[in-house]
Structures are given as structure tokens and as C-alpha cells.
Protein backbone atom coordinates (compact mmCIF):
# COMPACT_ATOMS: atom_id res chain seq x y z
CA MET A 1 -4.20 -63.53 16.11
CA ASN A 2 -0.94 -65.13 17.44
CA LEU A 3 2.25 -63.29 18.62
CA ASN A 4 4.01 -63.64 15.26
CA ASP A 5 1.06 -62.03 13.52
CA ILE A 6 0.97 -59.14 15.92
CA LEU A 7 4.77 -58.47 15.60
CA GLU A 8 4.45 -58.65 11.73
CA TYR A 9 1.60 -56.13 11.86
CA ILE A 10 3.53 -53.84 14.15
CA PHE A 11 6.56 -53.78 11.90
CA GLN A 12 4.48 -53.50 8.79
CA GLY A 13 2.61 -50.46 10.24
CA PHE A 14 5.74 -48.82 11.54
CA SER A 15 7.70 -49.30 8.34
CA ASN A 16 4.81 -48.07 6.15
CA ALA A 17 4.47 -44.92 8.32
CA ILE A 18 8.19 -44.21 8.04
CA LYS A 19 7.92 -44.58 4.21
CA SER A 20 4.80 -42.47 3.70
CA ILE A 21 5.29 -39.54 6.17
CA GLY A 22 8.85 -39.90 7.50
CA LEU A 23 10.46 -37.50 5.12
CA ILE A 24 7.49 -34.96 5.48
CA ILE A 25 8.14 -34.81 9.20
CA ILE A 26 11.90 -34.56 8.84
CA PHE A 27 11.77 -31.90 6.13
CA SER A 28 9.15 -29.72 8.04
CA THR A 29 11.41 -30.06 11.18
CA ILE A 30 14.43 -28.82 9.23
CA ILE A 31 12.44 -25.76 7.92
CA GLY A 32 11.36 -24.89 11.45
CA GLN A 33 14.90 -25.29 12.84
CA PHE A 34 16.27 -22.93 10.13
CA LEU A 35 13.61 -20.37 11.06
CA LYS A 36 14.59 -20.66 14.75
CA LYS A 37 18.28 -20.54 14.29
CA SER A 38 18.16 -17.66 11.84
CA ASN A 39 16.28 -15.53 14.28
CA SER A 40 13.51 -15.17 11.64
CA ILE A 41 10.70 -15.88 14.15
CA LYS A 42 11.60 -12.94 16.20
CA LYS A 43 11.62 -10.82 13.05
CA PHE A 44 7.93 -11.69 12.54
CA GLY A 45 7.35 -10.36 16.02
CA ASP A 46 9.09 -7.15 15.10
CA LEU A 47 6.78 -6.80 12.11
CA ILE A 48 3.71 -7.12 14.30
CA LEU A 49 4.99 -4.81 16.99
CA TYR A 50 5.72 -1.90 14.70
CA ASN A 51 3.29 -2.34 11.82
CA PHE A 52 0.14 -3.60 13.42
CA GLN A 53 0.09 -1.56 16.69
CA ASN A 54 -3.74 -1.29 16.84
CA LYS A 55 -4.28 -4.93 16.10
CA THR A 56 -1.47 -6.42 18.25
CA LEU A 57 -3.57 -9.12 19.98
CA ILE A 58 -5.03 -10.55 16.70
CA SER A 59 -1.78 -10.20 14.92
CA ILE A 60 0.13 -12.24 17.54
CA ASN A 61 -2.59 -14.81 17.25
CA LEU A 62 -2.34 -15.13 13.56
CA LEU A 63 1.48 -15.24 13.86
CA GLY A 64 1.07 -18.16 16.00
CA LEU A 65 -1.22 -19.84 13.53
CA PHE A 66 1.12 -19.01 10.63
CA LEU A 67 4.36 -20.32 12.38
CA GLY A 68 2.62 -23.39 14.04
CA THR A 69 2.72 -25.14 10.60
CA VAL A 70 6.34 -25.69 10.75
CA VAL A 71 7.27 -25.14 14.44
CA PHE A 72 5.98 -27.38 17.18
CA CYS A 73 3.56 -25.41 19.46
CA ASP A 74 5.65 -25.90 22.65
CA SER A 75 9.05 -24.75 21.18
CA GLY A 76 7.20 -22.13 19.11
CA PHE A 77 5.56 -20.69 22.22
CA LEU A 78 8.96 -20.63 24.13
CA ILE A 79 10.52 -18.56 21.26
CA LEU A 80 7.54 -16.22 20.67
CA ASN A 81 7.05 -15.70 24.40
CA GLY A 82 9.87 -13.22 24.25
CA ILE A 83 7.86 -11.17 21.80
CA SER A 84 4.91 -11.18 24.17
CA LYS A 85 7.02 -9.91 26.95
CA SER A 86 8.48 -7.21 24.82
CA ILE A 87 4.96 -6.06 23.67
CA SER A 88 3.66 -6.23 27.26
CA SER A 89 6.48 -4.03 28.49
CA THR A 90 5.83 -1.33 25.86
CA THR A 91 2.00 -1.45 25.69
CA ASN A 92 -0.98 -1.80 27.97
CA TYR A 93 -1.64 -5.30 26.97
CA SER A 94 -1.21 -7.85 29.77
CA LEU A 95 1.33 -10.64 29.30
CA THR A 96 -1.56 -13.20 29.97
CA SER A 97 -3.82 -11.89 27.22
CA LEU A 98 -0.90 -11.83 24.70
CA ASN A 99 0.22 -15.34 25.59
CA LEU A 100 -3.37 -16.79 25.54
CA SER A 101 -3.85 -15.26 22.12
CA LEU A 102 -0.49 -16.53 20.90
CA SER A 103 -0.88 -20.07 22.38
CA GLY A 104 -4.34 -20.45 20.83
CA GLY A 105 -2.96 -19.62 17.38
CA LEU A 106 -0.14 -22.21 17.71
CA TYR A 107 -2.59 -24.67 19.15
CA ALA A 108 -4.88 -24.38 16.13
CA SER A 109 -2.00 -25.16 13.70
CA HIS A 110 -0.64 -27.94 15.91
CA THR A 111 -3.95 -29.84 15.91
CA LEU A 112 -5.45 -29.03 12.53
CA VAL A 113 -2.90 -28.22 9.77
CA PRO A 114 -0.60 -30.80 8.23
CA PRO A 115 2.38 -31.22 8.05
CA THR A 116 2.30 -31.03 11.80
CA PRO A 117 2.56 -34.56 13.24
CA GLY A 118 -0.82 -35.14 14.68
CA PRO A 119 -2.94 -34.25 11.46
CA LEU A 120 -0.36 -35.86 9.26
CA ALA A 121 -0.52 -39.11 11.23
CA ALA A 122 -4.31 -39.05 11.30
CA ILE A 123 -4.45 -38.58 7.57
CA ASN A 124 -1.97 -41.46 7.08
CA ASN A 125 -4.01 -43.76 9.41
CA LEU A 126 -7.23 -43.01 7.57
CA ASN A 127 -5.53 -43.83 4.14
CA GLY A 128 -5.86 -40.16 3.07
CA ILE A 129 -2.14 -39.38 2.26
CA SER A 130 -3.03 -39.13 -1.54
CA MET A 131 -5.61 -36.51 -0.65
CA ILE A 132 -3.31 -34.36 1.53
CA GLY A 133 -3.54 -31.33 -0.81
CA ASP A 134 -7.33 -31.19 -0.52
CA ILE A 135 -7.36 -31.81 3.16
CA MET A 136 -4.65 -29.14 3.71
CA LEU A 137 -6.93 -26.60 2.10
CA LEU A 138 -9.86 -27.59 4.39
CA SER A 139 -7.58 -27.46 7.40
CA ILE A 140 -6.52 -23.90 6.59
CA VAL A 141 -10.07 -22.84 6.23
CA VAL A 142 -11.08 -24.27 9.55
CA SER A 143 -7.94 -23.25 11.46
CA ILE A 144 -8.39 -19.56 10.92
CA PRO A 145 -11.64 -19.13 12.76
CA ALA A 146 -10.36 -21.86 15.20
CA SER A 147 -7.38 -19.67 15.98
CA LEU A 148 -9.54 -16.50 16.26
CA ILE A 149 -11.69 -18.13 19.05
CA SER A 150 -8.63 -17.86 21.32
CA PHE A 151 -8.11 -14.21 20.27
CA ILE A 152 -11.70 -13.36 21.04
CA TYR A 153 -11.42 -15.25 24.37
CA ALA A 154 -8.28 -13.34 25.37
CA ARG A 155 -9.82 -10.04 24.34
CA LYS A 156 -13.12 -10.63 26.17
CA THR A 157 -11.44 -11.99 29.29
CA PHE A 158 -8.87 -9.24 29.83
CA GLY A 159 -10.63 -6.41 27.95
CA LYS A 160 -9.50 -4.18 25.01
CA LEU A 161 -6.59 -1.84 26.11
CA ASN A 162 -4.98 1.12 24.41
CA LEU A 163 -1.36 1.00 23.27
CA LYS A 164 1.39 3.28 24.43
CA ILE A 165 3.97 2.38 21.82
CA LYS A 166 5.28 5.06 19.46
CA SER A 167 4.40 4.93 15.84
CA GLN A 168 7.03 3.25 13.79
CA HIS A 169 7.07 1.05 10.67
CA LEU A 170 9.50 -1.57 9.45
CA LYS A 171 10.16 -2.04 5.76
CA LEU A 172 9.72 -5.42 4.15
CA THR A 173 13.39 -6.18 3.40
CA SER A 174 14.78 -9.65 2.30
CA ASP A 175 15.33 -10.46 5.98
CA TYR A 176 11.59 -10.44 6.35
CA ILE A 177 10.42 -11.66 2.97
CA ILE A 178 12.47 -14.82 2.71
CA PRO A 179 11.15 -16.37 6.03
CA ILE A 180 7.67 -15.61 4.87
CA LEU A 181 8.27 -17.41 1.57
CA VAL A 182 9.91 -20.31 3.32
CA ILE A 183 6.60 -21.11 4.94
CA ILE A 184 4.08 -20.04 2.32
CA ILE A 185 5.59 -21.56 -0.78
CA PRO A 186 5.62 -25.25 0.46
CA LEU A 187 1.99 -24.93 1.62
CA PHE A 188 0.99 -23.38 -1.69
CA LEU A 189 2.74 -25.99 -3.78
CA ILE A 190 1.15 -28.80 -1.73
CA SER A 191 -2.25 -27.16 -2.29
CA LEU A 192 -1.52 -27.24 -6.09
CA ASN A 193 -2.34 -30.97 -6.00
CA THR A 194 -5.95 -29.91 -5.58
CA LEU A 195 -5.88 -27.90 -8.69
CA THR A 196 -5.15 -31.08 -10.81
CA ASN A 197 -8.64 -32.33 -9.96
CA PHE A 198 -10.28 -29.39 -11.56
CA ILE A 199 -8.09 -28.75 -14.64
CA ASN A 200 -9.62 -29.19 -18.02
CA ASN A 201 -8.48 -32.28 -19.84
CA GLU A 202 -7.65 -30.09 -22.85
CA ILE A 203 -4.78 -28.65 -20.91
CA SER A 204 -1.40 -30.21 -21.59
CA ARG A 205 -0.87 -33.41 -19.65
CA ASN A 206 2.65 -32.22 -18.94
CA ILE A 207 1.31 -29.21 -16.97
CA ILE A 208 -0.78 -31.58 -14.89
CA LEU A 209 2.22 -33.89 -14.24
CA LEU A 210 4.32 -30.82 -13.34
CA LEU A 211 1.67 -29.59 -10.81
CA LYS A 212 1.55 -32.99 -9.28
CA LEU A 213 5.28 -33.28 -9.02
CA ILE A 214 5.87 -30.00 -7.32
CA GLY A 215 2.64 -30.41 -5.31
CA ASN A 216 3.91 -33.68 -3.80
CA PRO A 217 4.49 -32.94 0.02
CA ILE A 218 8.05 -34.26 -0.03
CA ASN A 219 9.11 -32.17 -3.02
CA ALA A 220 7.32 -29.07 -1.75
CA LEU A 221 8.94 -29.16 1.64
CA PHE A 222 12.39 -29.93 -0.13
CA ILE A 223 11.90 -26.70 -2.03
CA GLY A 224 11.22 -24.98 1.31
CA ILE A 225 14.48 -26.36 2.67
CA ILE A 226 16.32 -25.02 -0.28
CA LEU A 227 14.79 -21.48 0.30
CA SER A 228 15.73 -21.73 3.98
CA PHE A 229 19.34 -21.98 2.91
CA PHE A 230 19.05 -18.27 2.03
CA LEU A 231 17.85 -17.14 5.48
CA PRO A 232 20.18 -14.61 7.18
CA ASN A 233 22.54 -15.81 10.02
CA THR A 234 22.72 -19.43 8.68
CA LYS A 235 26.00 -19.10 6.74
CA ASN A 236 28.45 -21.91 7.75
CA LYS A 237 25.75 -23.19 10.21
CA LYS A 238 23.71 -25.29 7.80
CA PRO A 239 25.11 -28.72 8.77
CA ILE A 240 24.61 -27.95 12.52
CA ILE A 241 21.06 -26.72 11.91
CA ILE A 242 20.17 -29.92 9.94
CA TYR A 243 21.74 -32.13 12.61
CA ASP A 244 19.74 -30.47 15.33
CA ALA A 245 16.60 -30.80 13.29
CA LEU A 246 17.26 -34.51 12.83
CA LYS A 247 17.68 -34.82 16.65
CA ASP A 248 14.34 -33.08 17.18
CA SER A 249 12.46 -35.13 14.53
CA TRP A 250 13.30 -38.69 15.56
CA PRO A 251 11.04 -38.60 18.76
CA ILE A 252 8.12 -37.42 16.60
CA LEU A 253 8.93 -40.10 13.96
CA ILE A 254 8.96 -42.78 16.67
CA LEU A 255 5.64 -41.52 18.14
CA THR A 256 3.75 -41.31 14.90
CA SER A 257 5.15 -44.61 13.53
CA MET A 258 4.26 -46.47 16.67
CA GLY A 259 0.82 -45.10 16.61
CA ALA A 260 0.51 -46.22 12.99
CA ALA A 261 1.79 -49.70 14.14
CA PHE A 262 -0.95 -49.83 16.78
CA GLY A 263 -3.46 -48.77 14.24
CA ASN A 264 -2.27 -51.58 11.79
CA VAL A 265 -2.70 -54.21 14.51
CA ILE A 266 -6.23 -52.91 15.09
CA LYS A 267 -7.00 -52.82 11.35
CA ASN A 268 -6.05 -56.53 10.95
CA SER A 269 -7.65 -57.76 14.13
CA GLU A 270 -11.17 -59.37 14.65
CA LEU A 271 -12.18 -56.04 16.24
CA SER A 272 -11.79 -54.34 12.93
CA SER A 273 -14.01 -57.00 11.10
CA LEU A 274 -16.55 -56.81 13.85
CA LEU A 275 -16.91 -52.99 13.76
CA SER A 276 -16.81 -52.99 9.97
CA ASN A 277 -19.65 -55.55 9.77
CA VAL A 278 -21.79 -53.80 12.39
CA PHE A 279 -21.57 -50.45 10.58
CA ALA A 280 -21.77 -51.93 7.18
CA ASN A 281 -25.46 -52.73 7.94
CA ASN A 282 -26.27 -49.20 8.67
CA ASN A 283 -26.34 -46.13 6.67
CA ILE A 284 -23.88 -43.94 8.67
CA SER A 285 -24.05 -40.23 8.16
CA LEU A 286 -20.82 -38.13 8.11
CA ILE A 287 -22.19 -36.22 11.06
CA TYR A 288 -22.35 -39.37 13.21
CA ILE A 289 -18.75 -40.25 12.26
CA VAL A 290 -17.26 -36.83 12.97
CA VAL A 291 -19.08 -36.80 16.34
CA THR A 292 -17.57 -40.15 17.15
CA CYS A 293 -14.11 -38.81 16.12
CA PHE A 294 -14.52 -35.78 18.30
CA ILE A 295 -15.63 -37.73 21.40
CA ILE A 296 -12.90 -40.30 21.17
CA SER A 297 -10.28 -37.62 20.69
CA VAL A 298 -11.57 -35.64 23.65
CA ILE A 299 -11.42 -38.64 25.89
CA LEU A 300 -7.94 -39.56 24.82
CA LYS A 301 -6.64 -35.92 25.12
CA THR A 302 -8.11 -35.38 28.51
CA SER A 303 -6.86 -38.69 29.88
CA GLN A 304 -3.27 -38.70 28.66
CA GLY A 305 -2.41 -34.99 27.81
CA SER A 306 -0.86 -35.28 24.30
CA SER A 307 -2.94 -33.92 21.38
CA THR A 308 -0.59 -35.68 18.84
CA SER A 309 -1.14 -39.07 20.59
CA ALA A 310 -4.92 -38.43 20.89
CA MET A 311 -5.11 -37.93 17.07
CA ILE A 312 -2.89 -40.89 16.24
CA ILE A 313 -4.75 -43.37 18.59
CA GLY A 314 -8.12 -41.84 17.68
CA SER A 315 -7.64 -42.26 13.98
CA SER A 316 -6.42 -45.88 14.53
CA ILE A 317 -9.69 -46.66 16.44
CA ILE A 318 -11.83 -44.85 13.87
CA PHE A 319 -10.44 -46.67 10.75
CA PRO A 320 -12.15 -49.97 11.27
CA LEU A 321 -15.52 -48.06 11.39
CA ILE A 322 -15.03 -46.49 8.01
CA SER A 323 -12.91 -49.23 6.19
CA SER A 324 -15.89 -50.54 4.25
CA TYR A 325 -16.74 -47.27 2.72
CA ASN A 326 -15.05 -45.14 -0.03
CA TYR A 327 -14.95 -41.69 1.36
CA SER A 328 -14.03 -38.53 -0.52
CA SER A 329 -11.18 -36.11 0.50
CA PHE A 330 -13.82 -33.83 1.96
CA GLU A 331 -15.16 -36.48 4.19
CA ILE A 332 -11.75 -37.76 5.23
CA GLY A 333 -10.70 -34.13 5.93
CA MET A 334 -13.65 -33.51 8.13
CA MET A 335 -12.80 -36.65 10.16
CA VAL A 336 -9.23 -35.50 10.59
CA LEU A 337 -10.32 -32.06 11.59
CA SER A 338 -12.83 -33.42 14.10
CA LEU A 339 -10.04 -35.50 15.67
CA GLY A 340 -7.97 -32.38 15.85
CA ALA A 341 -10.80 -30.36 17.44
CA GLY A 342 -11.27 -33.05 20.09
CA SER A 343 -7.43 -33.20 20.72
CA MET A 344 -7.60 -29.44 21.76
CA MET A 345 -9.60 -30.28 24.90
CA ILE A 346 -9.04 -30.52 27.79
CA SER A 347 -5.54 -29.14 28.22
CA HIS A 348 -4.75 -29.41 31.95
CA ILE A 349 -2.07 -30.54 34.38
CA ASN A 350 -1.10 -33.72 32.33
CA ASP A 351 -0.31 -31.61 29.30
CA SER A 352 3.21 -30.20 28.97
CA TYR A 353 1.87 -27.32 26.89
CA PHE A 354 -0.45 -26.31 29.72
CA TRP A 355 2.59 -25.81 32.04
CA ILE A 356 4.68 -23.99 29.42
CA VAL A 357 1.87 -21.43 28.77
CA THR A 358 0.93 -20.95 32.42
CA GLN A 359 4.46 -20.61 33.76
CA LYS A 360 5.58 -18.19 31.01
CA SER A 361 2.33 -16.18 31.60
CA ASN A 362 3.08 -15.99 35.44
CA LEU A 363 -0.12 -17.97 36.26
CA ASN A 364 -0.33 -20.50 39.03
CA MET A 365 -1.98 -23.95 38.48
CA ASN A 366 -5.55 -22.78 39.43
CA GLU A 367 -5.30 -19.66 37.28
CA GLY A 368 -3.95 -21.85 34.45
CA ILE A 369 -7.03 -23.99 34.70
CA LYS A 370 -9.31 -21.05 34.99
CA TYR A 371 -7.88 -19.34 31.82
CA PHE A 372 -6.03 -21.76 29.69
CA SER A 373 -7.93 -24.89 30.23
CA LEU A 374 -11.15 -23.14 29.76
CA MET A 375 -9.85 -21.60 26.48
CA SER A 376 -8.89 -25.05 25.29
CA ILE A 377 -12.52 -26.17 25.92
CA MET A 378 -14.00 -23.25 24.13
CA GLN A 379 -11.48 -23.64 21.15
CA GLY A 380 -12.25 -27.35 20.90
CA ILE A 381 -16.02 -27.05 20.96
CA GLY A 382 -16.00 -23.97 18.70
CA THR A 383 -13.85 -25.48 16.15
CA PHE A 384 -16.09 -28.65 16.07
CA MET A 385 -19.13 -26.34 15.65
CA ILE A 386 -17.40 -24.86 12.68
CA ILE A 387 -16.83 -28.36 11.17
CA LEU A 388 -20.47 -29.27 11.69
CA LEU A 389 -21.55 -26.07 9.94
CA ILE A 390 -19.27 -26.88 6.90
CA ILE A 391 -20.66 -30.34 6.70
CA LEU A 392 -24.27 -29.18 6.83
CA PHE A 393 -23.77 -26.46 4.15
CA PHE A 394 -21.35 -28.24 1.75
CA ASN A 395 -21.72 -32.05 2.11
């Protein structure tokens, strides 16, 4: 492979990634920016604080999981940390336990659920974009217990404490309902793509086409953007919010597209042919492949710190191993989720998220390693065990 070929493959991989996942990343970033600027994220915290008083620790964990689908985990944590402080000051829950539970929920979404950049790029690198609806459903199923691992860890580590807060309930007004719909509706519409695979042929073809149209990730997220225009406190701010979102999205676009460019070079290199031929002569089980995905992702995450980069590079390395096979959406989904599970661990001093969580939790470096790094290991291994169980029972 000469230099001209390498440059051509880099440009080809970069441009293909921009075309296939560029708008998905931009649209999801815009939705997240509207939720932040409208103060809607803090409203979710109010709902938890006043309506789920006896289940605060698990509620803030699931809040992180829910919001992590449209807000990047580091910025999401910085916003929601204010809620943790508020809860900590009015209850017997320690700030550390709340922040560990919250960070684990955000982490699960960040590494497992598209349209977050890591899983989305991995799906694209494994040629699974057409299966994104199926894979999203699988990711939601796996992400819930994956998130709860961090809740259990926080609860067991710091104990179950009683609340001091006075009983109070908030009504679900439009200020709370619209932000929930902004997140749920796009995810639901994308999942509709899966329904088209099970619909009886006797049903009108127009209905199937309609489901596919609104279930397209770009269209579904665009509907989410339209809904976000109705969020409170955004009047006359929409152009500024969109501009800020575009500024936030371009580094993610560059990162994911460069990862795709790197993957395209590998796919078209002699290494790809060599690996493909080696594994073509063997009957590779899905278990073997997901174990390989997990180990590669763990090594990449631990060595360079970024979960997103670990998934992008890991999926680029894995693709030559599977390029000779025609895998189903279930199998591709399990590979993507295994890469995500591996990219959870080990979060330590080379990971910006590690420092954000530890500093906002008033932990020093050694305490951060003791509590947060250990939690990332437990969350990664626990998530991978869940994936293996799903494969054993349903594959």
C-alpha cells in the first residue's frame, strides 16, 4: 500500500463517517444543548428530590442513565453534580455515594447506548448502521443492569442511610413533561425500525414505509429538535443554543471520523486480508469474538483514557476479523456492547472523567482510585457478564 492509497482510504473513511453518522451526532448534541440551556436537567433533579425521597440513590442513578443518551457524561455530570450537592445537604446521603451512583448511570449510557459517539462510531465501523434500531433496543436492555451495578456499589460501599427531607411532591407540569418527551420520543421512533422486521406482510406497505421513515435516526432526532423548541426558557435563544451545540459537536465529529478513517485503512490493508483468511478457516463462536472485543477495548481504555477512542479504535481492529461473515443485528449488537463494556475500565488518572468525578466528590487521587476506578472495573466486568449471559440464553 503506497502513500496515495493510504491518503485515499483516509479521505474515504472520513467522508463516509461524516455522511453516515455526522447528522446523528450534530442533532443529538443540539437536543442535549437545549436541555442544558433550558434548565430542564435540573428540573429532572427536582422531580427526584421531591417525589422519590426513599429511593434517591437509585433515582439519581437512573437519571444519569436517562440523560446520558443525549448529554455527554462529563458535561452531564458537571450539571447534575449540583443536584447531588443539594440532595446531600438536605439528606443523610454522602456526596460521594450520590456522585458515584450518578456517574455510573451516565457512564453506562456513554459507553453502551447510541446515539452517544462511542457506540455510534462502533456500529458504523462494524457496518451496522442499518441495524441501529435493533442494536439500540439491545443496548437499552443491557444498560439498565449495567447502570444499577454502580448504584449497588455506591450503596454497599457507603451504606443505606435515612433521609431527613420533608415530604413534598411536584406535579408533572409541561415544564417537566416536554423535556422527558424530547428524550423518549426520538429513542422510541428509532426503535420502531425494529418493528418493521416483525410486521405481517398483509399490513399496508405504506405503514411499513412510514415506520421506516420516522424510525430513521436522522428523522427521529430531528423530531426531537423540533420538540426541544418548545422547552421553557429558550425563547429568542434558539440560534445561540444551536450555535453552541455546533461548536460542541465538531470535536466529536472529528474524533469519530478520524477513527473511521483509521479503520478504513486497516480494512483495506494486507492485515485485514491476513486476519480474515486466518479466521475464515475456523468456526469462530460469538463468545470468542465478544471476549476479543472486550479485551481489546480494556487495553485501549486503560492505556489512553478515552472510552470513545477505545470503542472507535477497537471496532476498527475487530472489523477485519469478522468481515468474511454475515452477522445478524443481535451479533453485531453484542460486539458493540462488549466494546462498550471494555471501554468502561479502567478509568484512572489518564481519564478526564475520573478527575471530574473525584474533584466534584471531594476525593483525592488515592480515594478516587479506591472508589471510582474500582467501580469502573466492577461496572465493566459486570456488564460483560450480562452480555455473556444474554448470548448463552438467546443466541
